[in-house]
């Protein structure tokens, strides 16, 4: 445990940030899972709605630098491609 006042504060801040980052990553994971279920059932209307939720979670995580910009774009592209493939 830190003894210096500034080190104690830094520890509190890092714990708070860690919780916030894990929550954002979990939101991405859950939204992605729900979207893939909708695509698997071939429910296109629900899948489109779930896709927008995934985009929202990815954009929020990318904006706060939880994930990198290119990773967010790559995941969006990959998930949209799954929807297009299920429509065929």
N, C-alpha and C. Protein backbone atom coordinates (compact mmCIF):
# COMPACT_ATOMS: atom_id res chain seq x y z
N UNK A 1 0.84 -1.19 0.00
CA UNK A 1 0.00 0.00 0.00
C UNK A 1 0.88 1.24 0.00
N UNK A 2 0.46 2.23 -0.73
CA UNK A 2 1.23 3.47 -0.78
C UNK A 2 1.17 4.23 0.54
N UNK A 3 2.23 4.94 0.83
CA UNK A 3 2.29 5.73 2.06
C UNK A 3 2.15 7.22 1.78
N UNK A 4 2.60 7.63 0.63
CA UNK A 4 2.57 9.05 0.27
C UNK A 4 1.17 9.43 -0.21
N UNK A 5 0.75 10.63 0.17
CA UNK A 5 -0.61 11.09 -0.12
C UNK A 5 -0.92 11.06 -1.61
N UNK A 6 0.01 11.52 -2.44
CA UNK A 6 -0.24 11.56 -3.88
C UNK A 6 -0.32 10.15 -4.46
N UNK A 7 0.44 9.21 -3.91
CA UNK A 7 0.40 7.83 -4.38
C UNK A 7 -0.93 7.17 -4.00
N UNK A 8 -1.46 7.53 -2.82
CA UNK A 8 -2.77 7.01 -2.41
C UNK A 8 -3.85 7.49 -3.37
N UNK A 9 -3.78 8.77 -3.73
CA UNK A 9 -4.76 9.33 -4.65
C UNK A 9 -4.64 8.68 -6.03
N UNK A 10 -3.41 8.47 -6.48
CA UNK A 10 -3.19 7.84 -7.78
C UNK A 10 -3.77 6.42 -7.80
N UNK A 11 -3.64 5.72 -6.68
CA UNK A 11 -4.20 4.37 -6.57
C UNK A 11 -5.72 4.41 -6.65
N UNK A 12 -6.33 5.36 -5.93
CA UNK A 12 -7.79 5.50 -5.98
C UNK A 12 -8.26 5.79 -7.41
N UNK A 13 -7.53 6.68 -8.08
CA UNK A 13 -7.91 7.04 -9.44
C UNK A 13 -7.79 5.85 -10.39
N UNK A 14 -6.71 5.11 -10.25
CA UNK A 14 -6.50 3.98 -11.17
C UNK A 14 -7.55 2.89 -10.96
N UNK A 15 -7.96 2.67 -9.71
CA UNK A 15 -8.99 1.67 -9.42
C UNK A 15 -10.32 2.11 -10.03
N UNK A 16 -10.64 3.39 -9.89
CA UNK A 16 -11.88 3.92 -10.45
C UNK A 16 -11.88 3.81 -11.98
N UNK A 17 -10.75 4.15 -12.60
CA UNK A 17 -10.65 4.07 -14.05
C UNK A 17 -10.74 2.63 -14.53
N UNK A 18 -10.12 1.71 -13.78
CA UNK A 18 -10.14 0.30 -14.14
C UNK A 18 -11.58 -0.22 -14.15
N UNK A 19 -12.36 0.14 -13.14
CA UNK A 19 -13.77 -0.28 -13.08
C UNK A 19 -14.54 0.27 -14.27
N UNK A 20 -14.32 1.55 -14.57
CA UNK A 20 -15.03 2.19 -15.68
C UNK A 20 -14.67 1.52 -17.01
N UNK A 21 -13.37 1.22 -17.21
CA UNK A 21 -12.93 0.59 -18.45
C UNK A 21 -13.49 -0.82 -18.59
N UNK A 22 -13.50 -1.57 -17.50
CA UNK A 22 -14.04 -2.93 -17.55
C UNK A 22 -15.53 -2.91 -17.86
N UNK A 23 -16.25 -1.92 -17.33
CA UNK A 23 -17.67 -1.80 -17.61
C UNK A 23 -17.92 -1.53 -19.09
N UNK A 24 -17.09 -0.68 -19.68
CA UNK A 24 -17.25 -0.39 -21.11
C UNK A 24 -16.92 -1.60 -21.96
N UNK A 25 -15.89 -2.35 -21.59
CA UNK A 25 -15.55 -3.57 -22.33
C UNK A 25 -16.66 -4.61 -22.20
N UNK A 26 -17.25 -4.71 -21.01
CA UNK A 26 -18.35 -5.66 -20.82
C UNK A 26 -19.57 -5.25 -21.63
N UNK A 27 -19.83 -3.93 -21.73
CA UNK A 27 -20.94 -3.46 -22.54
C UNK A 27 -20.76 -3.86 -24.01
N UNK A 28 -19.54 -3.76 -24.49
CA UNK A 28 -19.25 -4.17 -25.87
C UNK A 28 -19.51 -5.66 -26.02
N UNK A 29 -18.99 -6.44 -25.09
CA UNK A 29 -19.11 -7.89 -25.16
C UNK A 29 -20.57 -8.33 -25.14
N UNK A 30 -21.36 -7.74 -24.25
CA UNK A 30 -22.77 -8.12 -24.12
C UNK A 30 -23.56 -7.70 -25.36
N UNK A 31 -23.32 -6.48 -25.85
CA UNK A 31 -24.02 -5.99 -27.03
C UNK A 31 -23.67 -6.86 -28.25
N UNK A 32 -22.41 -7.23 -28.36
CA UNK A 32 -21.97 -8.07 -29.47
C UNK A 32 -22.62 -9.44 -29.40
N UNK A 33 -22.71 -10.00 -28.21
CA UNK A 33 -23.32 -11.31 -28.02
C UNK A 33 -24.80 -11.28 -28.40
N UNK A 34 -25.52 -10.24 -27.96
CA UNK A 34 -26.93 -10.11 -28.30
C UNK A 34 -27.13 -9.95 -29.80
N UNK A 35 -26.25 -9.19 -30.44
CA UNK A 35 -26.33 -8.99 -31.88
C UNK A 35 -26.12 -10.30 -32.62
N UNK A 36 -25.12 -11.07 -32.22
CA UNK A 36 -24.83 -12.33 -32.90
C UNK A 36 -25.96 -13.33 -32.73
N UNK A 37 -26.65 -13.29 -31.59
CA UNK A 37 -27.83 -14.14 -31.40
C UNK A 37 -28.92 -13.76 -32.39
N UNK A 38 -29.15 -12.47 -32.55
CA UNK A 38 -30.19 -11.98 -33.48
C UNK A 38 -29.84 -12.35 -34.92
N UNK A 39 -28.57 -12.28 -35.27
CA UNK A 39 -28.15 -12.64 -36.62
C UNK A 39 -28.31 -14.15 -36.83
N UNK A 40 -28.01 -14.92 -35.80
CA UNK A 40 -28.13 -16.38 -35.89
C UNK A 40 -29.56 -16.84 -36.11
N UNK A 41 -30.51 -16.10 -35.57
CA UNK A 41 -31.93 -16.44 -35.71
C UNK A 41 -32.50 -15.88 -37.00
N UNK A 42 -31.71 -15.10 -37.74
CA UNK A 42 -32.12 -14.44 -38.98
C UNK A 42 -33.25 -13.44 -38.75
N UNK A 43 -33.22 -12.76 -37.61
CA UNK A 43 -34.19 -11.70 -37.31
C UNK A 43 -33.53 -10.38 -37.69
N UNK A 44 -33.74 -9.94 -38.94
CA UNK A 44 -32.99 -8.80 -39.47
C UNK A 44 -33.35 -7.48 -38.80
N UNK A 45 -34.62 -7.27 -38.47
CA UNK A 45 -35.00 -6.01 -37.83
C UNK A 45 -34.37 -5.88 -36.45
N UNK A 46 -34.42 -6.97 -35.70
CA UNK A 46 -33.81 -6.95 -34.36
C UNK A 46 -32.29 -6.85 -34.48
N UNK A 47 -31.73 -7.52 -35.48
CA UNK A 47 -30.28 -7.48 -35.67
C UNK A 47 -29.81 -6.06 -35.98
N UNK A 48 -30.57 -5.32 -36.79
CA UNK A 48 -30.21 -3.94 -37.09
C UNK A 48 -30.23 -3.08 -35.83
N UNK A 49 -31.23 -3.31 -34.99
CA UNK A 49 -31.33 -2.56 -33.74
C UNK A 49 -30.15 -2.90 -32.82
N UNK A 50 -29.83 -4.19 -32.74
CA UNK A 50 -28.71 -4.62 -31.90
C UNK A 50 -27.37 -4.12 -32.46
N UNK A 51 -27.28 -4.02 -33.79
CA UNK A 51 -26.05 -3.54 -34.40
C UNK A 51 -25.79 -2.08 -34.01
N UNK A 52 -26.85 -1.29 -33.95
CA UNK A 52 -26.67 0.11 -33.56
C UNK A 52 -26.23 0.20 -32.10
N UNK A 53 -26.69 -0.72 -31.25
CA UNK A 53 -26.24 -0.74 -29.86
C UNK A 53 -24.76 -1.11 -29.76
N UNK A 54 -24.33 -2.04 -30.61
CA UNK A 54 -22.91 -2.41 -30.63
C UNK A 54 -22.07 -1.23 -31.09
N UNK A 55 -22.54 -0.54 -32.14
CA UNK A 55 -21.83 0.64 -32.63
C UNK A 55 -21.70 1.69 -31.53
N UNK A 56 -22.79 1.89 -30.79
CA UNK A 56 -22.78 2.89 -29.71
C UNK A 56 -21.74 2.52 -28.65
N UNK A 57 -21.73 1.25 -28.25
CA UNK A 57 -20.78 0.80 -27.23
C UNK A 57 -19.34 0.93 -27.73
N UNK A 58 -19.12 0.57 -28.99
CA UNK A 58 -17.76 0.68 -29.56
C UNK A 58 -17.32 2.13 -29.65
N UNK A 59 -18.22 3.01 -30.08
CA UNK A 59 -17.87 4.43 -30.20
C UNK A 59 -17.55 5.05 -28.84
N UNK A 60 -18.33 4.69 -27.83
CA UNK A 60 -18.06 5.22 -26.49
C UNK A 60 -16.71 4.73 -25.96
N UNK A 61 -16.41 3.46 -26.18
CA UNK A 61 -15.13 2.92 -25.72
C UNK A 61 -13.97 3.53 -26.48
N UNK A 62 -14.17 3.76 -27.77
CA UNK A 62 -13.11 4.33 -28.59
C UNK A 62 -12.88 5.80 -28.24
N UNK A 63 -13.96 6.51 -27.92
CA UNK A 63 -13.84 7.93 -27.60
C UNK A 63 -13.01 8.15 -26.33
N UNK A 64 -13.15 7.25 -25.37
CA UNK A 64 -12.41 7.38 -24.11
C UNK A 64 -11.11 6.56 -24.12
N UNK A 65 -10.75 6.07 -25.31
CA UNK A 65 -9.49 5.35 -25.51
C UNK A 65 -9.38 4.06 -24.72
N UNK A 66 -10.54 3.39 -24.50
CA UNK A 66 -10.51 2.06 -23.90
C UNK A 66 -10.04 1.07 -24.95
N UNK A 67 -10.52 1.26 -26.18
CA UNK A 67 -10.01 0.48 -27.31
C UNK A 67 -9.52 1.47 -28.37
N UNK A 68 -8.67 0.99 -29.26
CA UNK A 68 -8.12 1.87 -30.28
C UNK A 68 -9.13 2.09 -31.39
N UNK A 69 -8.95 3.19 -32.09
CA UNK A 69 -9.88 3.61 -33.13
C UNK A 69 -9.99 2.55 -34.23
N UNK A 70 -8.87 2.02 -34.67
CA UNK A 70 -8.88 1.06 -35.76
C UNK A 70 -9.55 -0.25 -35.34
N UNK A 71 -9.40 -0.62 -34.08
CA UNK A 71 -10.05 -1.85 -33.60
C UNK A 71 -11.56 -1.67 -33.63
N UNK A 72 -12.04 -0.51 -33.22
CA UNK A 72 -13.48 -0.24 -33.24
C UNK A 72 -13.99 -0.31 -34.67
N UNK A 73 -13.29 0.32 -35.59
CA UNK A 73 -13.70 0.30 -36.99
C UNK A 73 -13.66 -1.11 -37.57
N UNK A 74 -12.65 -1.86 -37.20
CA UNK A 74 -12.51 -3.24 -37.68
C UNK A 74 -13.67 -4.10 -37.20
N UNK A 75 -14.03 -3.96 -35.91
CA UNK A 75 -15.14 -4.74 -35.36
C UNK A 75 -16.47 -4.34 -36.01
N UNK A 76 -16.68 -3.05 -36.23
CA UNK A 76 -17.90 -2.59 -36.89
C UNK A 76 -18.03 -3.22 -38.27
N UNK A 77 -16.94 -3.20 -39.02
CA UNK A 77 -16.94 -3.75 -40.36
C UNK A 77 -17.23 -5.25 -40.34
N UNK A 78 -16.60 -5.94 -39.43
CA UNK A 78 -16.75 -7.40 -39.32
C UNK A 78 -18.20 -7.76 -38.98
N UNK A 79 -18.80 -7.02 -38.06
CA UNK A 79 -20.17 -7.32 -37.64
C UNK A 79 -21.18 -6.96 -38.73
N UNK A 80 -20.95 -5.87 -39.44
CA UNK A 80 -21.84 -5.49 -40.54
C UNK A 80 -21.77 -6.54 -41.66
N UNK A 81 -20.59 -7.09 -41.88
CA UNK A 81 -20.42 -8.10 -42.90
C UNK A 81 -21.23 -9.35 -42.56
N UNK A 82 -21.31 -9.69 -41.27
CA UNK A 82 -22.12 -10.85 -40.85
C UNK A 82 -23.59 -10.62 -41.16
N UNK A 83 -24.07 -9.41 -40.96
CA UNK A 83 -25.46 -9.09 -41.25
C UNK A 83 -25.74 -9.19 -42.74
N UNK A 84 -24.83 -8.67 -43.55
CA UNK A 84 -25.01 -8.76 -45.00
C UNK A 84 -25.01 -10.21 -45.47
N UNK A 85 -24.15 -11.03 -44.87
CA UNK A 85 -24.08 -12.45 -45.25
C UNK A 85 -25.35 -13.18 -44.86
N UNK A 86 -25.95 -12.82 -43.74
CA UNK A 86 -27.17 -13.50 -43.31
C UNK A 86 -28.38 -13.08 -44.15
N UNK A 87 -28.31 -11.92 -44.80
CA UNK A 87 -29.41 -11.46 -45.65
C UNK A 87 -29.46 -12.22 -46.98
N UNK A 88 -28.33 -12.78 -47.40
CA UNK A 88 -28.28 -13.47 -48.70
C UNK A 88 -28.94 -14.82 -48.65
